[in-house]
Amino acid sequence: MVAPKGCVTVRVGAEGEEQRRFAVPLDHLKHPLFGALLDEAEREYGFRHQGAIAIPCRVDRFVHVERLIDRDLGAHGHQLVDLDCGAATAHGHGHIHLPRFVGCFRA
């Protein structure tokens, strides 16, 4: 499955976990929580990583962070899509105050 228009493909998975591909809405990329995920990816893989964006955290934590971003942005358009099974994740449409720490990173 290919990412829908307005989304980018991201590979997600912690060490020892099977990686899964998600279609992430482009407006999520500028959110501070997604920026924290990208910072962790840079520390893990380096700035000049070749290929698709890869996020080194557990899939369930990534989905949780994406739901927080979706709720914070009040998104009504694109949803996070699991490209490996074709399912859109369920989410709400409220506003929340987000913590600074994502909690997705390995110790």
PDB file of N, CA and C in Angstrom:
ATOM      1  N   MET A   1       0.842  -1.179   0.000  1.00  0.00           N
ATOM      2  CA  MET A   1       0.000   0.000   0.000  1.00  0.00           C
ATOM      3  C   MET A   1       0.890   1.246   0.000  1.00  0.00           C
ATOM      4  N   VAL A   2       0.487   2.266  -0.749  1.00  0.00           N
ATOM      5  CA  VAL A   2       1.226   3.516  -0.877  1.00  0.00           C
ATOM      6  C   VAL A   2       0.566   4.573   0.000  1.00  0.00           C
ATOM      7  N   ALA A   3       1.379   5.488   0.549  1.00  0.00           N
ATOM      8  CA  ALA A   3       0.845   6.564   1.382  1.00  0.00           C
ATOM      9  C   ALA A   3      -0.090   7.446   0.560  1.00  0.00           C
ATOM     10  N   PRO A   4      -1.232   7.834   1.139  1.00  0.00           N
ATOM     11  CA  PRO A   4      -2.147   8.716   0.414  1.00  0.00           C
ATOM     12  C   PRO A   4      -1.548  10.109   0.224  1.00  0.00           C
ATOM     13  N   LYS A   5      -2.102  10.869  -0.695  1.00  0.00           N
ATOM     14  CA  LYS A   5      -1.660  12.238  -0.937  1.00  0.00           C
ATOM     15  C   LYS A   5      -1.777  13.035   0.359  1.00  0.00           C
ATOM     16  N   GLY A   6      -0.759  13.846   0.656  1.00  0.00           N
ATOM     17  CA  GLY A   6      -0.751  14.637   1.875  1.00  0.00           C
ATOM     18  C   GLY A   6      -0.124  13.922   3.054  1.00  0.00           C
ATOM     19  N   CYS A   7       0.454  12.743   2.801  1.00  0.00           N
ATOM     20  CA  CYS A   7       1.091  11.953   3.861  1.00  0.00           C
ATOM     21  C   CYS A   7       2.487  11.527   3.423  1.00  0.00           C
ATOM     22  N   VAL A   8       3.303  11.161   4.393  1.00  0.00           N
ATOM     23  CA  VAL A   8       4.639  10.638   4.145  1.00  0.00           C
ATOM     24  C   VAL A   8       4.750   9.285   4.843  1.00  0.00           C
ATOM     25  N   THR A   9       5.497   8.359   4.239  1.00  0.00           N
ATOM     26  CA  THR A   9       5.687   7.041   4.831  1.00  0.00           C
ATOM     27  C   THR A   9       6.796   7.083   5.871  1.00  0.00           C
ATOM     28  N   VAL A  10       6.531   6.494   7.034  1.00  0.00           N
ATOM     29  CA  VAL A  10       7.484   6.424   8.141  1.00  0.00           C
ATOM     30  C   VAL A  10       7.570   4.973   8.600  1.00  0.00           C
ATOM     31  N   ARG A  11       8.798   4.467   8.783  1.00  0.00           N
ATOM     32  CA  ARG A  11       9.000   3.124   9.342  1.00  0.00           C
ATOM     33  C   ARG A  11       9.185   3.272  10.846  1.00  0.00           C
ATOM     34  N   VAL A  12       8.514   2.416  11.619  1.00  0.00           N
ATOM     35  CA  VAL A  12       8.540   2.506  13.078  1.00  0.00           C
ATOM     36  C   VAL A  12       8.818   1.140  13.672  1.00  0.00           C
ATOM     37  N   GLY A  13       9.657   1.107  14.697  1.00  0.00           N
ATOM     38  CA  GLY A  13       9.915  -0.131  15.422  1.00  0.00           C
ATOM     39  C   GLY A  13      11.148  -0.015  16.286  1.00  0.00           C
ATOM     40  N   ALA A  14      11.033  -0.460  17.523  1.00  0.00           N
ATOM     41  CA  ALA A  14      12.164  -0.486  18.445  1.00  0.00           C
ATOM     42  C   ALA A  14      13.059  -1.668  18.094  1.00  0.00           C
ATOM     43  N   GLU A  15      14.267  -1.651  18.638  1.00  0.00           N
ATOM     44  CA  GLU A  15      15.196  -2.757  18.421  1.00  0.00           C
ATOM     45  C   GLU A  15      14.555  -4.058  18.884  1.00  0.00           C
ATOM     46  N   GLY A  16      14.594  -5.082  18.044  1.00  0.00           N
ATOM     47  CA  GLY A  16      14.003  -6.371  18.367  1.00  0.00           C
ATOM     48  C   GLY A  16      12.528  -6.479  18.023  1.00  0.00           C
ATOM     49  N   GLU A  17      11.923  -5.384  17.583  1.00  0.00           N
ATOM     50  CA  GLU A  17      10.508  -5.365  17.217  1.00  0.00           C
ATOM     51  C   GLU A  17      10.408  -5.281  15.691  1.00  0.00           C
ATOM     52  N   GLU A  18       9.442  -5.983  15.114  1.00  0.00           N
ATOM     53  CA  GLU A  18       9.248  -5.900  13.670  1.00  0.00           C
ATOM     54  C   GLU A  18       8.812  -4.487  13.295  1.00  0.00           C
ATOM     55  N   GLN A  19       9.482  -3.892  12.314  1.00  0.00           N
ATOM     56  CA  GLN A  19       9.128  -2.544  11.889  1.00  0.00           C
ATOM     57  C   GLN A  19       7.850  -2.568  11.065  1.00  0.00           C
ATOM     58  N   ARG A  20       7.054  -1.498  11.245  1.00  0.00           N
ATOM     59  CA  ARG A  20       5.823  -1.328  10.477  1.00  0.00           C
ATOM     60  C   ARG A  20       5.872   0.025   9.794  1.00  0.00           C
ATOM     61  N   ARG A  21       5.160   0.126   8.686  1.00  0.00           N
ATOM     62  CA  ARG A  21       5.116   1.368   7.921  1.00  0.00           C
ATOM     63  C   ARG A  21       3.788   2.082   8.171  1.00  0.00           C
ATOM     64  N   PHE A  22       3.893   3.399   8.382  1.00  0.00           N
ATOM     65  CA  PHE A  22       2.713   4.225   8.598  1.00  0.00           C
ATOM     66  C   PHE A  22       2.728   5.402   7.639  1.00  0.00           C
ATOM     67  N   ALA A  23       1.548   5.834   7.211  1.00  0.00           N
ATOM     68  CA  ALA A  23       1.383   7.070   6.453  1.00  0.00           C
ATOM     69  C   ALA A  23       1.033   8.156   7.463  1.00  0.00           C
ATOM     70  N   VAL A  24       1.928   9.130   7.609  1.00  0.00           N
ATOM     71  CA  VAL A  24       1.763  10.203   8.588  1.00  0.00           C
ATOM     72  C   VAL A  24       1.372  11.484   7.848  1.00  0.00           C
ATOM     73  N   PRO A  25       0.313  12.170   8.287  1.00  0.00           N
ATOM     74  CA  PRO A  25      -0.061  13.437   7.651  1.00  0.00           C
ATOM     75  C   PRO A  25       1.097  14.443   7.704  1.00  0.00           C
ATOM     76  N   LEU A  26       1.305  15.171   6.617  1.00  0.00           N
ATOM     77  CA  LEU A  26       2.422  16.110   6.534  1.00  0.00           C
ATOM     78  C   LEU A  26       2.391  17.168   7.634  1.00  0.00           C
ATOM     79  N   ASP A  27       1.198  17.609   8.049  1.00  0.00           N
ATOM     80  CA  ASP A  27       1.142  18.639   9.088  1.00  0.00           C
ATOM     81  C   ASP A  27       1.629  18.132  10.442  1.00  0.00           C
ATOM     82  N   HIS A  28       1.725  16.828  10.637  1.00  0.00           N
ATOM     83  CA  HIS A  28       2.262  16.274  11.884  1.00  0.00           C
ATOM     84  C   HIS A  28       3.772  16.470  11.979  1.00  0.00           C
ATOM     85  N   LEU A  29       4.448  16.577  10.836  1.00  0.00           N
ATOM     86  CA  LEU A  29       5.910  16.657  10.831  1.00  0.00           C
ATOM     87  C   LEU A  29       6.436  17.903  11.520  1.00  0.00           C
ATOM     88  N   LYS A  30       5.661  18.975  11.567  1.00  0.00           N
ATOM     89  CA  LYS A  30       6.124  20.214  12.200  1.00  0.00           C
ATOM     90  C   LYS A  30       5.727  20.313  13.676  1.00  0.00           C
ATOM     91  N   HIS A  31       5.016  19.333  14.194  1.00  0.00           N
ATOM     92  CA  HIS A  31       4.590  19.343  15.600  1.00  0.00           C
ATOM     93  C   HIS A  31       5.778  19.027  16.511  1.00  0.00           C
ATOM     94  N   PRO A  32       5.891  19.686  17.670  1.00  0.00           N
ATOM     95  CA  PRO A  32       7.024  19.435  18.582  1.00  0.00           C
ATOM     96  C   PRO A  32       7.170  17.979  19.026  1.00  0.00           C
ATOM     97  N   LEU A  33       6.074  17.263  19.201  1.00  0.00           N
ATOM     98  CA  LEU A  33       6.187  15.858  19.599  1.00  0.00           C
ATOM     99  C   LEU A  33       6.792  15.017  18.481  1.00  0.00           C
ATOM    100  N   PHE A  34       6.427  15.295  17.236  1.00  0.00           N
ATOM    101  CA  PHE A  34       7.036  14.564  16.128  1.00  0.00           C
ATOM    102  C   PHE A  34       8.492  14.983  15.977  1.00  0.00           C
ATOM    103  N   GLY A  35       8.782  16.261  16.239  1.00  0.00           N
ATOM    104  CA  GLY A  35      10.168  16.727  16.219  1.00  0.00           C
ATOM    105  C   GLY A  35      11.023  15.968  17.215  1.00  0.00           C
ATOM    106  N   ALA A  36      10.460  15.655  18.380  1.00  0.00           N
ATOM    107  CA  ALA A  36      11.197  14.872  19.380  1.00  0.00           C
ATOM    108  C   ALA A  36      11.470  13.461  18.861  1.00  0.00           C
ATOM    109  N   LEU A  37      10.519  12.890  18.135  1.00  0.00           N
ATOM    110  CA  LEU A  37      10.737  11.570  17.534  1.00  0.00           C
ATOM    111  C   LEU A  37      11.852  11.631  16.491  1.00  0.00           C
ATOM    112  N   LEU A  38      11.864  12.698  15.699  1.00  0.00           N
ATOM    113  CA  LEU A  38      12.914  12.860  14.690  1.00  0.00           C
ATOM    114  C   LEU A  38      14.282  13.076  15.332  1.00  0.00           C
ATOM    115  N   ASP A  39      14.314  13.794  16.457  1.00  0.00           N
ATOM    116  CA  ASP A  39      15.581  13.977  17.181  1.00  0.00           C
ATOM    117  C   ASP A  39      16.133  12.636  17.642  1.00  0.00           C
ATOM    118  N   GLU A  40      15.261  11.776  18.146  1.00  0.00           N
ATOM    119  CA  GLU A  40      15.691  10.447  18.583  1.00  0.00           C
ATOM    120  C   GLU A  40      16.192   9.630  17.391  1.00  0.00           C
ATOM    121  N   ALA A  41      15.509   9.734  16.266  1.00  0.00           N
ATOM    122  CA  ALA A  41      15.947   9.021  15.061  1.00  0.00           C
ATOM    123  C   ALA A  41      17.318   9.517  14.612  1.00  0.00           C
ATOM    124  N   GLU A  42      17.549  10.823  14.714  1.00  0.00           N
ATOM    125  CA  GLU A  42      18.856  11.375  14.342  1.00  0.00           C
ATOM    126  C   GLU A  42      19.955  10.828  15.250  1.00  0.00           C
ATOM    127  N   ARG A  43      19.679  10.752  16.547  1.00  0.00           N
ATOM    128  CA  ARG A  43      20.679  10.199  17.479  1.00  0.00           C
ATOM    129  C   ARG A  43      20.952   8.722  17.185  1.00  0.00           C
ATOM    130  N   GLU A  44      19.921   7.994  16.797  1.00  0.00           N
ATOM    131  CA  GLU A  44      20.052   6.559  16.534  1.00  0.00           C
ATOM    132  C   GLU A  44      20.713   6.269  15.190  1.00  0.00           C
ATOM    133  N   TYR A  45      20.287   6.979  14.145  1.00  0.00           N
ATOM    134  CA  TYR A  45      20.703   6.641  12.783  1.00  0.00           C
ATOM    135  C   TYR A  45      21.647   7.653  12.141  1.00  0.00           C
ATOM    136  N   GLY A  46      21.758   8.836  12.714  1.00  0.00           N
ATOM    137  CA  GLY A  46      22.585   9.881  12.115  1.00  0.00           C
ATOM    138  C   GLY A  46      21.765  10.797  11.226  1.00  0.00           C
ATOM    139  N   PHE A  47      22.302  11.987  10.997  1.00  0.00           N
ATOM    140  CA  PHE A  47      21.586  13.001  10.225  1.00  0.00           C
ATOM    141  C   PHE A  47      21.485  12.629   8.756  1.00  0.00           C
ATOM    142  N   ARG A  48      22.454  11.928   8.235  1.00  0.00           N
ATOM    143  CA  ARG A  48      22.489  11.607   6.804  1.00  0.00           C
ATOM    144  C   ARG A  48      21.937  10.213   6.509  1.00  0.00           C
ATOM    145  N   HIS A  49      20.985   9.767   7.279  1.00  0.00           N
ATOM    146  CA  HIS A  49      20.344   8.463   7.075  1.00  0.00           C
ATOM    147  C   HIS A  49      19.717   8.408   5.686  1.00  0.00           C
ATOM    148  N   GLN A  50      19.980   7.352   4.957  1.00  0.00           N
ATOM    149  CA  GLN A  50      19.429   7.164   3.612  1.00  0.00           C
ATOM    150  C   GLN A  50      18.100   6.411   3.694  1.00  0.00           C
ATOM    151  N   GLY A  51      17.215   6.707   2.789  1.00  0.00           N
ATOM    152  CA  GLY A  51      15.959   5.975   2.712  1.00  0.00           C
ATOM    153  C   GLY A  51      14.829   6.650   3.467  1.00  0.00           C
ATOM    154  N   ALA A  52      13.806   5.858   3.753  1.00  0.00           N
ATOM    155  CA  ALA A  52      12.600   6.358   4.413  1.00  0.00           C
ATOM    156  C   ALA A  52      12.904   6.846   5.826  1.00  0.00           C
ATOM    157  N   ILE A  53      12.041   7.718   6.329  1.00  0.00           N
ATOM    158  CA  ILE A  53      12.147   8.150   7.722  1.00  0.00           C
ATOM    159  C   ILE A  53      11.920   6.926   8.595  1.00  0.00           C
ATOM    160  N   ALA A  54      12.820   6.707   9.550  1.00  0.00           N
ATOM    161  CA  ALA A  54      12.705   5.572  10.473  1.00  0.00           C
ATOM    162  C   ALA A  54      12.696   6.105  11.898  1.00  0.00           C
ATOM    163  N   ILE A  55      11.721   5.687  12.680  1.00  0.00           N
ATOM    164  CA  ILE A  55      11.576   6.120  14.071  1.00  0.00           C
ATOM    165  C   ILE A  55      11.856   4.921  14.971  1.00  0.00           C
ATOM    166  N   PRO A  56      12.890   5.015  15.843  1.00  0.00           N
ATOM    167  CA  PRO A  56      13.288   3.872  16.675  1.00  0.00           C
ATOM    168  C   PRO A  56      12.543   3.793  18.007  1.00  0.00           C
ATOM    169  N   CYS A  57      11.225   3.661  17.968  1.00  0.00           N
ATOM    170  CA  CYS A  57      10.469   3.474  19.208  1.00  0.00           C
ATOM    171  C   CYS A  57       9.435   2.378  18.983  1.00  0.00           C
ATOM    172  N   ARG A  58       8.842   1.913  20.077  1.00  0.00           N
ATOM    173  CA  ARG A  58       7.824   0.869  19.966  1.00  0.00           C
ATOM    174  C   ARG A  58       6.633   1.384  19.152  1.00  0.00           C
ATOM    175  N   VAL A  59       6.039   0.510  18.389  1.00  0.00           N
ATOM    176  CA  VAL A  59       4.918   0.879  17.529  1.00  0.00           C
ATOM    177  C   VAL A  59       3.754   1.425  18.351  1.00  0.00           C
ATOM    178  N   ASP A  60       3.428   0.791  19.468  1.00  0.00           N
ATOM    179  CA  ASP A  60       2.295   1.255  20.273  1.00  0.00           C
ATOM    180  C   ASP A  60       2.525   2.659  20.813  1.00  0.00           C
ATOM    181  N   ARG A  61       3.764   2.983  21.177  1.00  0.00           N
ATOM    182  CA  ARG A  61       4.087   4.329  21.655  1.00  0.00           C
ATOM    183  C   ARG A  61       3.983   5.346  20.523  1.00  0.00           C
ATOM    184  N   PHE A  62       4.436   4.976  19.325  1.00  0.00           N
ATOM    185  CA  PHE A  62       4.344   5.866  18.173  1.00  0.00           C
ATOM    186  C   PHE A  62       2.880   6.189  17.868  1.00  0.00           C
ATOM    187  N   VAL A  63       2.034   5.177  17.861  1.00  0.00           N
ATOM    188  CA  VAL A  63       0.610   5.388  17.598  1.00  0.00           C
ATOM    189  C   VAL A  63       0.013   6.307  18.664  1.00  0.00           C
ATOM    190  N   HIS A  64       0.404   6.125  19.916  1.00  0.00           N
ATOM    191  CA  HIS A  64      -0.080   6.984  20.998  1.00  0.00           C
ATOM    192  C   HIS A  64       0.335   8.439  20.763  1.00  0.00           C
ATOM    193  N   VAL A  65       1.605   8.659  20.426  1.00  0.00           N
ATOM    194  CA  VAL A  65       2.096  10.016  20.168  1.00  0.00           C
ATOM    195  C   VAL A  65       1.359  10.624  18.977  1.00  0.00           C
ATOM    196  N   GLU A  66       1.141   9.850  17.937  1.00  0.00           N
ATOM    197  CA  GLU A  66       0.410  10.348  16.770  1.00  0.00           C
ATOM    198  C   GLU A  66      -1.020  10.740  17.141  1.00  0.00           C
ATOM    199  N   ARG A  67      -1.650   9.979  18.002  1.00  0.00           N
ATOM    200  CA  ARG A  67      -3.008  10.335  18.452  1.00  0.00           C
ATOM    201  C   ARG A  67      -2.990  11.649  19.226  1.00  0.00           C
ATOM    202  N   LEU A  68      -1.969  11.844  20.068  1.00  0.00           N
ATOM    203  CA  LEU A  68      -1.840  13.109  20.793  1.00  0.00           C
ATOM    204  C   LEU A  68      -1.680  14.276  19.820  1.00  0.00           C
ATOM    205  N   ILE A  69      -0.845  14.086  18.818  1.00  0.00           N
ATOM    206  CA  ILE A  69      -0.634  15.134  17.816  1.00  0.00           C
ATOM    207  C   ILE A  69      -1.935  15.418  17.074  1.00  0.00           C
ATOM    208  N   ASP A  70      -2.630  14.382  16.667  1.00  0.00           N
ATOM    209  CA  ASP A  70      -3.885  14.529  15.940  1.00  0.00           C
ATOM    210  C   ASP A  70      -4.904  15.299  16.768  1.00  0.00           C
ATOM    211  N   ARG A  71      -5.025  14.951  18.029  1.00  0.00           N
ATOM    212  CA  ARG A  71      -5.966  15.648  18.914  1.00  0.00           C
ATOM    213  C   ARG A  71      -5.538  17.082  19.142  1.00  0.00           C
ATOM    214  N   ASP A  72      -4.236  17.318  19.311  1.00  0.00           N
ATOM    215  CA  ASP A  72      -3.746  18.676  19.541  1.00  0.00           C
ATOM    216  C   ASP A  72      -3.999  19.570  18.332  1.00  0.00           C
ATOM    217  N   LEU A  73      -3.823  19.031  17.142  1.00  0.00           N
ATOM    218  CA  LEU A  73      -4.028  19.807  15.919  1.00  0.00           C
ATOM    219  C   LEU A  73      -5.497  19.916  15.540  1.00  0.00           C
ATOM    220  N   GLY A  74      -6.337  19.117  16.193  1.00  0.00           N
ATOM    221  CA  GLY A  74      -7.757  19.126  15.853  1.00  0.00           C
ATOM    222  C   GLY A  74      -7.984  18.687  14.418  1.00  0.00           C
ATOM    223  N   ALA A  75      -7.164  17.740  13.974  1.00  0.00           N
ATOM    224  CA  ALA A  75      -7.198  17.307  12.576  1.00  0.00           C
ATOM    225  C   ALA A  75      -8.531  16.655  12.229  1.00  0.00           C
ATOM    226  N   HIS A  76      -9.059  17.054  11.101  1.00  0.00           N
ATOM    227  CA  HIS A  76     -10.292  16.449  10.596  1.00  0.00           C
ATOM    228  C   HIS A  76     -10.072  15.842   9.219  1.00  0.00           C
ATOM    229  N   GLY A  77      -8.866  15.932   8.706  1.00  0.00           N
ATOM    230  CA  GLY A  77      -8.573  15.442   7.362  1.00  0.00           C
ATOM    231  C   GLY A  77      -7.919  14.076   7.395  1.00  0.00           C
ATOM    232  N   HIS A  78      -6.615  14.058   7.176  1.00  0.00           N
ATOM    233  CA  HIS A  78      -5.878  12.807   7.094  1.00  0.00           C
ATOM    234  C   HIS A  78      -5.780  12.116   8.447  1.00  0.00           C
ATOM    235  N   GLN A  79      -5.742  10.796   8.412  1.00  0.00           N
ATOM    236  CA  GLN A  79      -5.530   9.976   9.596  1.00  0.00           C
ATOM    237  C   GLN A  79      -4.230   9.222   9.431  1.00  0.00           C
ATOM    238  N   LEU A  80      -3.660   8.811  10.557  1.00  0.00           N
ATOM    239  CA  LEU A  80      -2.521   7.910  10.536  1.00  0.00           C
ATOM    240  C   LEU A  80      -3.002   6.581   9.965  1.00  0.00           C
ATOM    241  N   VAL A  81      -2.287   6.047   8.970  1.00  0.00           N
ATOM    242  CA  VAL A  81      -2.673   4.785   8.340  1.00  0.00           C
ATOM    243  C   VAL A  81      -1.536   3.790   8.481  1.00  0.00           C
ATOM    244  N   ASP A  82      -1.851   2.594   8.974  1.00  0.00           N
ATOM    245  CA  ASP A  82      -0.883   1.499   9.037  1.00  0.00           C
ATOM    246  C   ASP A  82      -0.817   0.904   7.637  1.00  0.00           C
ATOM    247  N   LEU A  83       0.262   1.182   6.912  1.00  0.00           N
ATOM    248  CA  LEU A  83       0.379   0.742   5.522  1.00  0.00           C
ATOM    249  C   LEU A  83       0.570  -0.759   5.395  1.00  0.00           C
ATOM    250  N   ASP A  84       1.003  -1.415   6.467  1.00  0.00           N
ATOM    251  CA  ASP A  84       1.219  -2.856   6.403  1.00  0.00           C
ATOM    252  C   ASP A  84      -0.073  -3.647   6.566  1.00  0.00           C
ATOM    253  N   CYS A  85      -1.112  -3.022   7.146  1.00  0.00           N
ATOM    254  CA  CYS A  85      -2.396  -3.729   7.236  1.00  0.00           C
ATOM    255  C   CYS A  85      -3.527  -2.912   6.625  1.00  0.00           C
ATOM    256  N   GLY A  86      -3.236  -1.664   6.235  1.00  0.00           N
ATOM    257  CA  GLY A  86      -4.227  -0.843   5.551  1.00  0.00           C
ATOM    258  C   GLY A  86      -5.280  -0.226   6.444  1.00  0.00           C
ATOM    259  N   ALA A  87      -5.102  -0.281   7.761  1.00  0.00           N
ATOM    260  CA  ALA A  87      -6.119   0.234   8.676  1.00  0.00           C
ATOM    261  C   ALA A  87      -5.776   1.637   9.146  1.00  0.00           C
ATOM    262  N   ALA A  88      -6.775   2.493   9.183  1.00  0.00           N
ATOM    263  CA  ALA A  88      -6.613   3.811   9.789  1.00  0.00           C
ATOM    264  C   ALA A  88      -6.800   3.655  11.287  1.00  0.00           C
ATOM    265  N   THR A  89      -6.002   4.366  12.060  1.00  0.00           N
ATOM    266  CA  THR A  89      -6.138   4.281  13.507  1.00  0.00           C
ATOM    267  C   THR A  89      -7.286   5.167  13.967  1.00  0.00           C
ATOM    268  N   ALA A  90      -7.974   4.742  15.013  1.00  0.00           N
ATOM    269  CA  ALA A  90      -9.063   5.531  15.578  1.00  0.00           C
ATOM    270  C   ALA A  90      -8.475   6.665  16.403  1.00  0.00           C
ATOM    271  N   HIS A  91      -9.160   7.803  16.405  1.00  0.00           N
ATOM    272  CA  HIS A  91      -8.667   8.941  17.175  1.00  0.00           C
ATOM    273  C   HIS A  91      -9.820   9.876  17.491  1.00  0.00           C
ATOM    274  N   GLY A  92      -9.586  10.788  18.475  1.00  0.00           N
ATOM    275  CA  GLY A  92     -10.573  11.782  18.848  1.00  0.00           C
ATOM    276  C   GLY A  92     -10.251  13.115  18.199  1.00  0.00           C
ATOM    277  N   HIS A  93     -11.094  14.108  18.439  1.00  0.00           N
ATOM    278  CA  HIS A  93     -10.892  15.415  17.824  1.00  0.00           C
ATOM    279  C   HIS A  93     -10.921  16.531  18.856  1.00  0.00           C
ATOM    280  N   GLY A  94     -10.407  16.315  20.069  1.00  0.00           N
ATOM    281  CA  GLY A  94     -10.390  17.351  21.082  1.00  0.00           C
ATOM    282  C   GLY A  94      -9.046  18.030  21.175  1.00  0.00           C
ATOM    283  N   HIS A  95      -8.990  19.104  21.948  1.00  0.00           N
ATOM    284  CA  HIS A  95      -7.728  19.799  22.197  1.00  0.00           C
ATOM    285  C   HIS A  95      -7.205  19.371  23.560  1.00  0.00           C
ATOM    286  N   ILE A  96      -5.904  19.113  23.649  1.00  0.00           N
ATOM    287  CA  ILE A  96      -5.292  18.751  24.920  1.00  0.00           C
ATOM    288  C   ILE A  96      -4.022  19.554  25.102  1.00  0.00           C
ATOM    289  N   HIS A  97      -3.566  19.660  26.332  1.00  0.00           N
ATOM    290  CA  HIS A  97      -2.273  20.271  26.622  1.00  0.00           C
ATOM    291  C   HIS A  97      -1.257  19.153  26.696  1.00  0.00           C
ATOM    292  N   LEU A  98      -0.230  19.239  25.854  1.00  0.00           N
ATOM    293  CA  LEU A  98       0.716  18.146  25.709  1.00  0.00           C
ATOM    294  C   LEU A  98       1.922  18.316  26.615  1.00  0.00           C
ATOM    295  N   PRO A  99       2.415  17.214  27.188  1.00  0.00           N
ATOM    296  CA  PRO A  99       3.642  17.277  27.973  1.00  0.00           C
ATOM    297  C   PRO A  99       4.833  17.474  27.048  1.00  0.00           C
ATOM    298  N   ARG A 100       5.931  17.976  27.586  1.00  0.00           N
ATOM    299  CA  ARG A 100       7.146  18.183  26.801  1.00  0.00           C
ATOM    300  C   ARG A 100       7.863  16.873  26.506  1.00  0.00           C
ATOM    301  N   PHE A 101       7.725  15.872  27.369  1.00  0.00           N
ATOM    302  CA  PHE A 101       8.441  14.612  27.185  1.00  0.00           C
ATOM    303  C   PHE A 101       7.538  13.611  26.499  1.00  0.00           C
ATOM    304  N   VAL A 102       8.010  13.035  25.416  1.00  0.00           N
ATOM    305  CA  VAL A 102       7.208  12.101  24.642  1.00  0.00           C
ATOM    306  C   VAL A 102       7.095  10.748  25.326  1.00  0.00           C
ATOM    307  N   GLY A 103       8.149  10.256  25.958  1.00  0.00           N
ATOM    308  CA  GLY A 103       8.111   8.968  26.631  1.00  0.00           C
ATOM    309  C   GLY A 103       8.254   7.796  25.683  1.00  0.00           C
ATOM    310  N   CYS A 104       8.752   8.040  24.486  1.00  0.00           N
ATOM    311  CA  CYS A 104       8.870   6.990  23.485  1.00  0.00           C
ATOM    312  C   CYS A 104      10.283   6.439  23.414  1.00  0.00           C
ATOM    313  N   PHE A 105      11.199   7.068  24.075  1.00  0.00           N
ATOM    314  CA  PHE A 105      12.607   6.778  23.840  1.00  0.00           C
ATOM    315  C   PHE A 105      13.138   5.703  24.758  1.00  0.00           C
ATOM    316  N   ARG A 106      14.094   4.960  24.232  1.00  0.00           N
ATOM    317  CA  ARG A 106      14.731   3.894  25.004  1.00  0.00           C
ATOM    318  C   ARG A 106      15.671   4.486  26.042  1.00  0.00           C
ATOM    319  N   ALA A 107      15.861   3.743  27.124  1.00  0.00           N
ATOM    320  CA  ALA A 107      16.781   4.190  28.172  1.00  0.00           C
ATOM    321  C   ALA A 107      18.209   3.932  27.761  1.00  0.00           C
TER     322      ALA A 107
END
